[in-house]
């Protein structure tokens, strides 16, 4: 009988925690997959990235590793960015930090609307938004630009990330 009571008490205290959704669940469709995109920036320069998402620290962090151009001439591909996404309990927002091979750091917030994922951050005096627009389980439209009140004021990049099969 004691074992039954202890198990019941443990279940009452742990079940609500186990049943709660994690704010980082919006990354579930991206995690454990490799995503690749190619396109052109608004200035005509090439965009090419391969990205892998992974949960770390008991799914309290999302780690993002990107392969892209690692030289200003855009001739060499290699490890370009290392990113961290974490739910900040104090602000109740998902925050992100993106470190690049050139010594830069981009930081901002992440939110979702349905299956679409948005990143917003300040960059060179502008408020920039990146959108992963869900198309299907293996495809996301990807936009970078200035996005306010549901309207793209200016678009700098418009391409697609597709899942790379077998990676």
Protein backbone atom coordinates (compact mmCIF):
# COMPACT_ATOMS: atom_id res chain seq x y z
CA UNK A 1 0.00 0.00 0.00
CA UNK A 2 2.84 2.43 0.84
CA UNK A 3 4.34 1.91 -2.63
CA UNK A 4 1.00 2.70 -4.24
CA UNK A 5 0.62 5.94 -2.26
CA UNK A 6 4.20 7.01 -3.03
CA UNK A 7 3.72 6.32 -6.74
CA UNK A 8 0.43 8.23 -6.72
CA UNK A 9 2.05 11.22 -4.97
CA UNK A 10 5.01 11.18 -7.37
CA UNK A 11 2.63 10.99 -10.33
CA UNK A 12 0.63 13.98 -9.06
CA UNK A 13 3.77 16.11 -8.78
CA UNK A 14 5.49 15.03 -11.99
CA UNK A 15 2.59 14.53 -14.42
CA UNK A 16 1.79 18.24 -14.83
CA UNK A 17 5.47 19.00 -15.49
CA UNK A 18 5.82 16.18 -18.01
CA UNK A 19 2.59 17.17 -19.73
CA UNK A 20 3.50 20.85 -20.11
CA UNK A 21 4.58 22.07 -23.50
CA UNK A 22 8.03 23.50 -23.89
CA UNK A 23 8.21 26.91 -25.59
CA UNK A 24 11.04 25.45 -27.69
CA UNK A 25 8.66 22.91 -29.28
CA UNK A 26 8.31 25.27 -32.22
CA UNK A 27 11.71 23.93 -33.32
CA UNK A 28 10.56 20.26 -33.29
CA UNK A 29 10.01 20.12 -37.08
CA UNK A 30 13.55 21.43 -37.68
CA UNK A 31 15.51 19.42 -35.11
CA UNK A 32 17.44 16.29 -36.16
CA UNK A 33 17.20 17.31 -39.81
CA UNK A 34 19.63 19.04 -42.13
CA UNK A 35 18.30 22.02 -44.10
CA UNK A 36 19.83 23.55 -47.21
CA UNK A 37 19.08 26.72 -49.17
CA UNK A 38 20.54 28.70 -52.05
CA UNK A 39 19.50 32.09 -53.33
CA UNK A 40 20.50 35.66 -54.03
CA UNK A 41 20.51 38.61 -51.67
CA UNK A 42 18.88 41.81 -52.87
CA UNK A 43 22.32 43.16 -53.83
CA UNK A 44 22.91 40.17 -56.12
CA UNK A 45 25.39 38.36 -53.87
CA UNK A 46 25.01 34.62 -53.36
CA UNK A 47 23.39 33.01 -50.35
CA UNK A 48 24.14 29.39 -49.55
CA UNK A 49 23.60 27.67 -46.21
CA UNK A 50 23.30 24.23 -44.73
CA UNK A 51 21.87 24.20 -41.20
CA UNK A 52 21.49 21.56 -38.49
CA UNK A 53 19.32 22.03 -35.39
CA UNK A 54 19.74 19.97 -32.19
CA UNK A 55 18.32 20.01 -28.69
CA UNK A 56 20.85 20.17 -25.84
CA UNK A 57 20.77 20.29 -22.03
CA UNK A 58 17.63 18.20 -21.65
CA UNK A 59 15.94 20.16 -24.47
CA UNK A 60 16.37 23.52 -22.72
CA UNK A 61 18.57 24.80 -25.57
CA UNK A 62 18.42 24.56 -29.32
CA UNK A 63 21.88 24.56 -30.89
CA UNK A 64 22.16 25.59 -34.52
CA UNK A 65 25.25 24.96 -36.65
CA UNK A 66 25.46 26.56 -40.09
CA UNK A 67 27.73 25.95 -43.04
CA UNK A 68 28.02 28.93 -45.37
CA UNK A 69 30.46 31.29 -47.00
CA UNK A 70 33.42 31.93 -44.72
CA UNK A 71 35.19 34.55 -46.83
CA UNK A 72 34.11 37.95 -48.12
CA UNK A 73 34.66 36.80 -51.73
CA UNK A 74 32.12 34.00 -51.21
CA UNK A 75 34.35 31.29 -52.63
CA UNK A 76 34.87 29.06 -49.56
CA UNK A 77 32.23 27.16 -47.61
CA UNK A 78 32.75 26.12 -44.01
CA UNK A 79 31.44 26.46 -40.46
CA UNK A 80 29.95 29.98 -40.54
CA UNK A 81 27.55 30.35 -37.61
CA UNK A 82 26.92 28.80 -34.21
CA UNK A 83 23.60 29.66 -32.65
CA UNK A 84 21.82 29.18 -29.36
CA UNK A 85 18.09 29.47 -28.71
CA UNK A 86 16.77 29.47 -25.14
CA UNK A 87 13.49 30.25 -23.41
CA UNK A 88 14.07 33.11 -20.97
CA UNK A 89 11.70 32.63 -18.03
CA UNK A 90 12.11 36.22 -16.84
CA UNK A 91 10.95 37.84 -20.10
CA UNK A 92 8.87 34.81 -21.16
CA UNK A 93 10.43 34.97 -24.63
CA UNK A 94 12.67 32.75 -26.67
CA UNK A 95 15.97 34.53 -27.09
CA UNK A 96 18.69 33.73 -29.59
CA UNK A 97 22.38 34.38 -30.00
CA UNK A 98 24.11 33.77 -33.33
CA UNK A 99 27.92 33.88 -33.43
CA UNK A 100 29.62 34.08 -36.83
CA UNK A 101 33.06 33.25 -38.19
CA UNK A 102 33.77 36.95 -38.73
CA UNK A 103 33.54 37.70 -34.99
CA UNK A 104 29.98 39.03 -35.09
CA UNK A 105 27.13 38.37 -32.70
CA UNK A 106 23.47 38.76 -33.57
CA UNK A 107 20.94 38.54 -30.76
CA UNK A 108 17.20 38.89 -30.66
CA UNK A 109 13.95 37.06 -30.02
CA UNK A 110 12.11 34.16 -31.66
CA UNK A 111 8.36 33.66 -31.83
CA UNK A 112 5.92 31.65 -33.88
CA UNK A 113 2.61 32.14 -35.61
CA UNK A 114 1.17 28.70 -36.24
CA UNK A 115 3.95 26.66 -37.87
CA UNK A 116 5.85 29.78 -39.04
CA UNK A 117 8.95 30.80 -37.06
CA UNK A 118 10.11 34.42 -36.82
CA UNK A 119 13.42 35.87 -35.64
CA UNK A 120 13.66 39.61 -34.96
CA UNK A 121 16.81 41.56 -34.22
CA UNK A 122 18.50 44.92 -34.67
CA UNK A 123 21.05 45.03 -37.49
CA UNK A 124 22.88 48.12 -38.76
CA UNK A 125 20.19 50.47 -37.50
CA UNK A 126 17.24 48.48 -38.87
CA UNK A 127 14.84 46.03 -37.23
CA UNK A 128 15.28 42.81 -39.23
CA UNK A 129 12.99 39.79 -39.38
CA UNK A 130 13.81 36.32 -40.63
CA UNK A 131 10.84 34.08 -41.31
CA UNK A 132 10.79 30.30 -41.68
CA UNK A 133 7.42 29.95 -43.38
CA UNK A 134 6.15 26.37 -43.15
CA UNK A 135 5.28 24.83 -46.52
CA UNK A 136 5.44 21.12 -45.63
CA UNK A 137 7.51 18.85 -43.38
CA UNK A 138 10.51 19.10 -45.72
CA UNK A 139 10.22 22.68 -46.97
CA UNK A 140 10.21 26.18 -45.50
CA UNK A 141 10.13 29.45 -47.40
CA UNK A 142 12.82 31.69 -45.93
CA UNK A 143 12.62 35.49 -45.99
CA UNK A 144 14.87 38.16 -44.52
CA UNK A 145 13.80 41.78 -44.42
CA UNK A 146 11.89 44.46 -42.61
CA UNK A 147 8.54 43.13 -41.42
CA UNK A 148 6.04 45.23 -39.48
CA UNK A 149 2.41 44.59 -38.57
CA UNK A 150 2.21 41.52 -40.80
CA UNK A 151 3.60 43.31 -43.88
CA UNK A 152 7.02 43.00 -45.53
CA UNK A 153 8.22 46.61 -45.98
CA UNK A 154 11.44 45.48 -47.64
CA UNK A 155 12.79 42.01 -48.53
CA UNK A 156 16.54 41.34 -48.67
CA UNK A 157 16.39 37.59 -49.32
CA UNK A 158 13.63 35.25 -50.47
CA UNK A 159 14.51 31.55 -50.89
CA UNK A 160 13.60 28.07 -49.59
CA UNK A 161 15.16 25.72 -47.09
CA UNK A 162 14.65 22.09 -48.02
CA UNK A 163 15.38 19.06 -45.92
CA UNK A 164 18.45 17.18 -47.11
CA UNK A 165 17.51 13.50 -47.17
CA UNK A 166 19.92 11.04 -45.59
CA UNK A 167 21.90 13.49 -43.45
